[in-house]
Protein backbone atom coordinates (compact mmCIF):
# COMPACT_ATOMS: atom_id res chain seq x y z
CA MET A 1 8.20 -17.40 -0.80
CA ASN A 2 6.06 -19.67 -2.64
CA GLN A 3 5.07 -18.78 -5.93
CA THR A 4 1.34 -19.23 -5.58
CA LYS A 5 0.98 -16.33 -3.02
CA TYR A 6 0.76 -14.19 -6.17
CA LEU A 7 -2.52 -15.49 -6.71
CA LEU A 8 -3.35 -12.88 -4.37
CA ALA A 9 -3.29 -10.42 -7.40
CA TYR A 10 -6.51 -12.02 -8.48
CA THR A 11 -8.25 -11.39 -5.68
CA ILE A 12 -9.16 -7.45 -6.27
CA PRO A 13 -10.82 -8.61 -9.78
CA LEU A 14 -12.72 -11.69 -7.53
CA SER A 15 -13.94 -8.91 -5.13
CA ALA A 16 -15.29 -6.99 -7.88
CA ILE A 17 -17.01 -10.19 -9.40
CA ILE A 18 -18.54 -10.87 -5.72
CA GLY A 19 -19.71 -7.51 -5.66
CA LEU A 20 -21.41 -7.40 -9.11
CA GLN A 21 -23.09 -10.61 -8.09
CA LEU A 22 -24.07 -9.54 -4.58
CA GLY A 23 -25.31 -6.23 -5.38
CA GLY A 24 -26.70 -3.96 -3.07
CA LEU A 25 -24.14 -2.47 -0.52
CA TRP A 26 -21.54 -5.53 -1.61
CA SER A 27 -21.17 -3.61 -5.04
CA PHE A 28 -18.67 -1.67 -2.70
CA THR A 29 -16.60 -4.82 -1.81
CA THR A 30 -13.63 -4.03 -3.95
CA VAL A 31 -13.25 -0.46 -2.23
CA VAL A 32 -13.87 -1.82 1.14
CA TYR A 33 -11.38 -4.68 0.45
CA ALA A 34 -8.63 -2.51 -1.18
CA PHE A 35 -8.43 0.56 1.06
CA GLY A 36 -10.05 -1.41 4.57
CA LEU A 37 -9.04 -4.80 4.78
CA ILE A 38 -5.68 -4.98 3.02
CA PRO A 39 -4.60 -2.08 5.27
CA ILE A 40 -5.79 -3.73 8.38
CA TRP A 41 -4.16 -7.24 7.18
CA GLU A 42 -0.96 -5.50 6.39
CA ALA A 43 -0.79 -4.17 9.97
CA PHE A 44 -0.74 -7.50 11.40
CA LEU A 45 2.29 -8.70 9.16
CA THR A 46 6.03 -7.89 9.28
CA PRO A 47 7.61 -6.96 5.86
CA ASN A 48 10.20 -9.49 4.97
CA PRO A 49 13.39 -8.08 3.49
CA ASP A 50 14.97 -11.72 2.78
CA LYS A 51 17.29 -11.57 -0.42
CA LEU A 52 16.91 -14.04 -3.14
CA SER A 53 19.64 -16.16 -3.93
CA GLU A 54 21.22 -16.22 -7.75
CA GLU A 55 19.72 -19.77 -7.96
CA MET A 56 16.26 -18.41 -6.56
CA LYS A 57 16.40 -15.72 -9.28
CA GLU A 58 17.17 -17.97 -11.95
CA SER A 59 14.53 -20.28 -10.95
CA ARG A 60 11.85 -17.79 -10.66
CA LEU A 61 12.98 -16.35 -14.40
CA ALA A 62 12.61 -19.72 -15.78
CA ASN A 63 9.41 -20.50 -14.27
CA TRP A 64 6.21 -20.00 -16.73
CA PHE A 65 3.90 -19.20 -13.89
CA PHE A 66 4.93 -15.58 -12.96
CA ASP A 67 4.52 -14.63 -16.68
CA GLY A 68 1.58 -16.55 -17.05
CA MET A 69 -0.08 -14.68 -14.31
CA LEU A 70 0.27 -11.53 -16.11
CA TYR A 71 -1.02 -12.47 -19.51
CA PHE A 72 -4.43 -13.79 -17.84
CA ASN A 73 -5.19 -10.45 -16.72
CA VAL A 74 -5.95 -9.68 -20.43
CA ILE A 75 -9.00 -11.87 -20.37
CA ILE A 76 -9.88 -10.85 -16.54
CA VAL A 77 -9.80 -7.34 -17.38
CA PHE A 78 -11.87 -7.51 -20.36
CA SER A 79 -14.22 -10.01 -19.23
CA ILE A 80 -15.11 -7.90 -16.27
CA LEU A 81 -15.25 -4.36 -17.99
CA LEU A 82 -17.43 -5.61 -20.90
CA TYR A 83 -19.62 -7.96 -18.73
CA GLY A 84 -19.53 -5.34 -16.10
CA ILE A 85 -20.66 -2.29 -18.36
CA TRP A 86 -23.49 -4.77 -20.02
CA TYR A 87 -24.74 -5.20 -16.75
CA LEU A 88 -24.78 -1.67 -15.71
CA THR A 89 -26.63 -0.65 -18.76
CA SER A 90 -29.28 -3.70 -18.81
CA ILE A 91 -30.45 -3.17 -15.17
CA SER A 92 -32.08 -0.34 -13.56
CA LEU A 93 -29.34 0.32 -10.56
CA PRO A 94 -29.89 2.65 -7.55
CA THR A 95 -27.30 5.23 -7.55
CA TYR A 96 -25.33 4.22 -5.04
CA GLU A 97 -24.76 0.61 -6.34
CA LEU A 98 -23.96 2.01 -9.53
CA VAL A 99 -21.25 4.43 -8.03
CA GLY A 100 -19.91 1.13 -6.14
CA LEU A 101 -19.44 -0.90 -9.31
CA ILE A 102 -17.86 1.77 -11.40
CA LEU A 103 -15.08 2.45 -8.39
CA SER A 104 -14.73 -1.38 -8.23
CA PHE A 105 -14.13 -1.74 -11.83
CA GLY A 106 -12.15 1.22 -11.96
CA ILE A 107 -9.65 -0.80 -9.21
CA VAL A 108 -9.55 -3.92 -11.47
CA LEU A 109 -8.62 -1.67 -14.35
CA GLY A 110 -6.19 0.07 -12.23
CA THR A 111 -4.46 -2.82 -10.82
CA ASN A 112 -4.84 -5.53 -13.04
CA GLY A 113 -4.93 -3.35 -16.24
CA ILE A 114 -2.59 -0.44 -15.83
CA ASN A 115 -0.37 -1.97 -13.36
CA VAL A 116 0.20 -5.08 -15.06
CA ALA A 117 0.72 -2.97 -18.31
CA HIS A 118 3.55 -1.11 -16.72
CA GLU A 119 5.20 -4.23 -15.86
CA LEU A 120 4.68 -5.79 -19.66
CA GLY A 121 5.51 -2.26 -21.07
CA HIS A 122 9.22 -3.05 -19.47
CA ARG A 123 9.33 -6.56 -21.51
CA THR A 124 11.64 -6.64 -24.50
CA THR A 125 9.27 -9.04 -26.41
CA ILE A 126 6.97 -6.99 -29.43
CA TRP A 127 4.08 -8.84 -28.20
CA GLU A 128 4.27 -8.47 -24.41
CA ARG A 129 4.63 -4.78 -25.33
CA THR A 130 1.51 -4.90 -27.41
CA LEU A 131 -0.14 -6.72 -24.23
CA ALA A 132 0.63 -3.63 -22.26
CA LYS A 133 -0.59 -1.03 -24.96
CA PHE A 134 -4.10 -3.33 -25.42
CA LEU A 135 -4.19 -3.18 -21.40
CA LEU A 136 -4.01 0.58 -21.52
CA MET A 137 -6.56 1.30 -24.18
CA PRO A 138 -9.70 0.99 -21.95
CA ALA A 139 -8.15 3.16 -19.26
CA MET A 140 -7.88 5.60 -22.25
CA TYR A 141 -4.14 6.05 -21.09
CA MET A 142 -2.11 4.51 -23.91
CA HIS A 143 0.63 7.71 -24.15
CA PHE A 144 1.46 6.35 -21.06
CA TYR A 145 3.55 3.92 -22.64
CA ILE A 146 5.54 6.25 -24.45
CA GLU A 147 5.78 8.93 -21.62
CA HIS A 148 6.80 6.30 -18.76
CA ASN A 149 9.09 4.53 -20.72
CA PHE A 150 10.95 7.59 -22.26
CA GLY A 151 10.18 10.23 -20.01
CA HIS A 152 9.64 9.04 -16.38
CA HIS A 153 12.50 6.72 -16.27
CA VAL A 154 14.62 9.42 -17.53
CA ASN A 155 13.40 12.05 -15.82
CA VAL A 156 12.15 11.01 -12.64
CA GLY A 157 13.20 13.22 -9.54
CA THR A 158 13.56 16.29 -11.90
CA SER A 159 11.05 19.30 -12.76
CA LYS A 160 10.67 17.82 -16.04
CA ASP A 161 8.99 14.80 -14.77
CA PRO A 162 5.02 15.64 -14.12
CA ALA A 163 4.80 11.81 -12.57
CA THR A 164 7.29 13.19 -9.52
CA SER A 165 5.38 14.89 -6.98
CA LYS A 166 6.87 17.87 -5.24
CA LYS A 167 7.35 18.30 -1.50
CA ASN A 168 3.98 19.93 0.18
CA GLN A 169 2.30 19.44 -3.18
CA SER A 170 -1.52 17.93 -2.54
CA ILE A 171 -2.36 14.67 -4.09
CA PHE A 172 -5.46 16.79 -5.90
CA SER A 173 -2.67 19.30 -7.33
CA PHE A 174 -0.68 16.67 -8.47
CA TRP A 175 -3.26 14.72 -10.20
CA LEU A 176 -4.02 17.69 -12.46
CA THR A 177 -0.25 18.43 -13.12
CA SER A 178 0.72 14.85 -13.70
CA ILE A 179 -2.43 13.78 -16.16
CA SER A 180 -2.14 16.73 -18.18
CA GLY A 181 1.96 16.89 -18.19
CA GLN A 182 2.19 13.40 -19.09
CA ILE A 183 -0.01 13.82 -22.02
CA ILE A 184 2.00 16.90 -23.29
CA ASN A 185 5.42 15.07 -22.64
CA SER A 186 4.34 11.99 -24.74
CA ILE A 187 3.78 14.42 -27.59
CA LYS A 188 6.90 16.02 -27.05
CA ILE A 189 8.55 12.74 -26.86
CA GLN A 190 6.62 11.42 -29.85
CA ARG A 191 7.71 14.53 -31.84
CA SER A 192 11.38 13.87 -30.90
CA LEU A 193 11.61 10.42 -31.84
CA LEU A 194 10.32 11.15 -34.95
CA LYS A 195 12.66 14.04 -35.66
CA LYS A 196 15.43 11.17 -34.83
CA GLN A 197 14.10 9.29 -37.80
CA LYS A 198 13.90 12.13 -39.87
CA ARG A 199 10.16 11.94 -40.17
CA SER A 200 7.55 14.63 -39.72
CA PHE A 201 5.33 14.40 -36.52
CA PHE A 202 2.25 13.55 -38.97
CA SER A 203 4.18 10.67 -40.28
CA VAL A 204 2.23 7.25 -40.46
CA LYS A 205 4.87 6.39 -38.13
CA ASN A 206 3.63 8.21 -35.02
CA ASP A 207 2.37 5.88 -32.42
CA PHE A 208 0.44 8.79 -30.47
CA PHE A 209 -1.95 8.71 -33.35
CA TYR A 210 -2.74 5.39 -33.42
CA TYR A 211 -3.01 5.34 -29.73
CA GLN A 212 -5.83 8.18 -29.91
CA LEU A 213 -7.34 6.20 -33.19
CA PHE A 214 -7.51 2.75 -30.97
CA GLN A 215 -9.03 4.32 -27.94
CA MET A 216 -12.04 6.01 -29.97
CA ILE A 217 -12.48 2.71 -31.64
CA TYR A 218 -12.78 1.22 -28.47
CA LEU A 219 -15.40 3.76 -27.33
CA SER A 220 -17.21 3.80 -30.57
CA LEU A 221 -17.62 -0.10 -29.89
CA ILE A 222 -19.05 0.27 -26.55
CA GLY A 223 -21.31 3.30 -27.76
CA THR A 224 -22.49 0.75 -30.49
CA TYR A 225 -23.41 -2.20 -28.22
CA PHE A 226 -24.41 -0.18 -25.18
CA ASP A 227 -25.18 3.09 -26.29
CA LEU A 228 -23.92 6.63 -24.73
CA PHE A 229 -24.45 5.50 -21.31
CA GLY A 230 -22.38 2.64 -22.09
CA VAL A 231 -19.27 5.35 -23.08
CA PHE A 232 -20.29 7.03 -20.20
CA LEU A 233 -19.46 4.27 -17.70
CA ALA A 234 -16.16 3.39 -19.60
CA LEU A 235 -14.80 6.74 -19.51
CA ALA A 236 -15.77 6.66 -15.37
CA ILE A 237 -14.14 3.69 -15.00
CA ALA A 238 -11.26 4.72 -17.06
CA LEU A 239 -10.78 8.00 -14.88
CA VAL A 240 -11.07 5.74 -11.49
CA SER A 241 -8.45 3.87 -12.97
CA VAL A 242 -5.93 6.66 -13.64
CA LEU A 243 -6.64 8.58 -10.57
CA LEU A 244 -5.59 5.23 -8.86
CA LEU A 245 -2.66 5.06 -11.01
CA GLU A 246 -1.62 9.04 -10.06
CA THR A 247 -2.38 8.37 -6.69
CA ILE A 248 0.32 5.63 -6.87
CA ASN A 249 2.69 7.61 -8.63
CA TYR A 250 2.25 10.71 -5.83
CA ILE A 251 3.48 8.32 -3.11
CA GLU A 252 6.35 6.46 -5.08
CA HIS A 253 8.48 9.50 -5.44
CA TYR A 254 7.05 12.45 -3.05
CA GLY A 255 9.32 14.95 -2.59
CA LEU A 256 12.26 12.86 -4.02
CA THR A 257 14.81 15.05 -6.48
CA ARG A 258 18.05 14.57 -8.20
CA ALA A 259 21.13 16.77 -7.14
CA VAL A 260 22.17 19.05 -10.18
CA LYS A 261 26.22 18.09 -10.54
CA GLY A 262 27.38 20.79 -13.16
CA ASN A 263 24.77 21.17 -16.10
CA ARG A 264 23.26 18.12 -15.54
CA TYR A 265 21.22 15.98 -13.18
CA ALA A 266 22.82 12.96 -11.32
CA ARG A 267 21.89 9.58 -12.17
CA VAL A 268 18.81 7.72 -10.90
CA THR A 269 19.84 5.93 -8.25
CA PRO A 270 17.32 3.73 -5.45
CA MET A 271 17.41 6.79 -3.67
CA HIS A 272 14.91 8.35 -5.74
CA SER A 273 11.94 5.99 -5.41
CA TRP A 274 9.98 5.37 -2.08
CA ASN A 275 10.16 1.51 -1.33
CA SER A 276 7.37 -0.55 0.39
CA ASN A 277 8.09 -3.90 1.60
CA HIS A 278 4.76 -4.70 3.04
CA THR A 279 3.40 -8.26 2.13
CA ILE A 280 -0.13 -7.70 0.82
CA GLY A 281 0.19 -4.83 -1.45
CA ARG A 282 3.89 -6.64 -3.07
CA LEU A 283 1.75 -9.59 -3.92
CA VAL A 284 -1.34 -7.69 -5.34
CA LEU A 285 0.35 -5.15 -7.14
CA TYR A 286 3.07 -7.69 -8.74
CA GLU A 287 6.05 -6.32 -6.43
CA LEU A 288 5.41 -2.70 -7.84
CA THR A 289 6.05 -1.68 -4.28
CA ARG A 290 9.70 -2.48 -4.40
CA HIS A 291 9.94 0.49 -6.75
CA SER A 292 13.32 1.47 -5.79
CA ASP A 293 14.39 -1.66 -7.43
CA HIS A 294 12.26 -1.37 -10.27
CA HIS A 295 14.06 2.38 -11.23
CA HIS A 296 17.47 1.00 -10.40
CA ARG A 297 17.07 -1.42 -13.35
CA ALA A 298 13.65 -1.34 -15.02
CA SER A 299 13.88 -4.33 -17.27
CA LYS A 300 14.08 -6.39 -14.08
CA LYS A 301 11.18 -9.01 -13.94
CA TYR A 302 8.59 -8.45 -11.15
CA GLN A 303 9.36 -11.76 -9.46
CA ILE A 304 12.87 -10.97 -8.64
CA LEU A 305 12.66 -7.38 -7.51
CA GLU A 306 14.08 -7.12 -4.24
CA SER A 307 13.57 -4.65 -1.20
CA ILE A 308 16.51 -2.11 -1.16
CA GLU A 309 16.57 -0.81 2.56
CA ASP A 310 18.88 1.89 1.81
CA SER A 311 16.31 3.69 -0.33
CA PRO A 312 13.60 5.61 1.18
CA GLN A 313 11.08 3.64 3.23
CA LEU A 314 7.18 4.46 3.00
CA PRO A 315 6.07 3.84 6.85
CA PHE A 316 3.05 1.86 5.48
CA GLY A 317 1.85 -0.05 2.63
CA TYR A 318 0.34 1.11 -0.72
CA THR A 319 -3.06 1.24 0.08
CA THR A 320 -2.71 2.66 3.59
CA SER A 321 -0.36 5.55 2.03
CA MET A 322 -2.67 6.79 -0.58
CA LEU A 323 -5.57 6.91 2.23
CA ILE A 324 -3.30 9.02 4.37
CA ALA A 325 -2.52 11.15 1.21
CA PHE A 326 -6.09 12.08 0.81
CA VAL A 327 -5.42 14.15 4.00
CA PRO A 328 -2.77 16.67 2.81
CA PRO A 329 -1.95 18.03 6.32
CA LEU A 330 -1.55 14.66 7.75
CA TRP A 331 0.47 13.20 4.63
CA PHE A 332 2.73 16.04 4.85
CA LYS A 333 3.66 15.70 8.65
CA LEU A 334 3.84 12.11 8.23
CA MET A 335 6.51 12.16 5.10
CA ASN A 336 8.22 15.53 4.87
CA LYS A 337 10.25 14.35 8.03
CA ARG A 338 11.29 11.30 6.02
CA ILE A 339 12.58 12.91 2.92
CA PRO A 340 16.08 12.61 2.51
CA GLN A 341 18.45 15.52 3.11
CA ASN A 342 19.85 15.37 -0.47
CA SER A 343 16.24 15.43 -2.13
């Protein structure tokens, strides 16, 4: 596949810019594009399960384009957020247009911010992990770095993991349990990490405290330059991005559980994540939809993730699946029969 196809990942922020410039009903451009046009587009495309050769993998890993695509999102996300908040606080807009732009900016922060932070957070270099945390800051979700890397990837498919949705649990219930559970877990994980270093929870090495401080500084700067209304907008945009993330979490692991063997859970396998090989979602989300392979080896870069056909398969792409999840009875009817027998 031609590497330039990954430029589709920039169409989400581009749609937000279009909505911002044209105004009116166009303010909902990102919403319509992400949850209207992409599902229709994917319906006409056949998923491509072709495997990458070893030569192709090596070529992709050596190609700066794929990493550069990720890094550029830092500029894109913060430019759109800061300009967008300035615009919304400078001009009187009708309520519907304000809502449309908040939703659009929130989707940008979720896809090109949190999602890219997720990818960079698994990298081995300190500066890439720092970029990940920087992208999580405007979403008020920096604790995600702790819980996701030290909690979710260890506990996925178990009762210990708040980011694994249970069979017959609605998306709305999951939002509450996952968001609150991840905050609580990140505190517990931070305490455990410090204890191993023989440090107090109130140590200067407590990253969780620093994350809260950085987020407050971000909001303080927004308040200084854009007043309290700017802070409200920043928080509203952050909420949209977090709910988008948690909706993705919901469909990625719905109803999948790890068996208990003796006193321990079975090891994590590709069977504990739903795979989606639908083309547009793959490209827009930097292969996040090939989630089974990601959990099989978390350090694997997005450009060499592959579709694992033996893993549970979502019948539709991510955006279509998310829309269906908002109608719980329909989601349960569609997905419960697809949950593997051993889950």
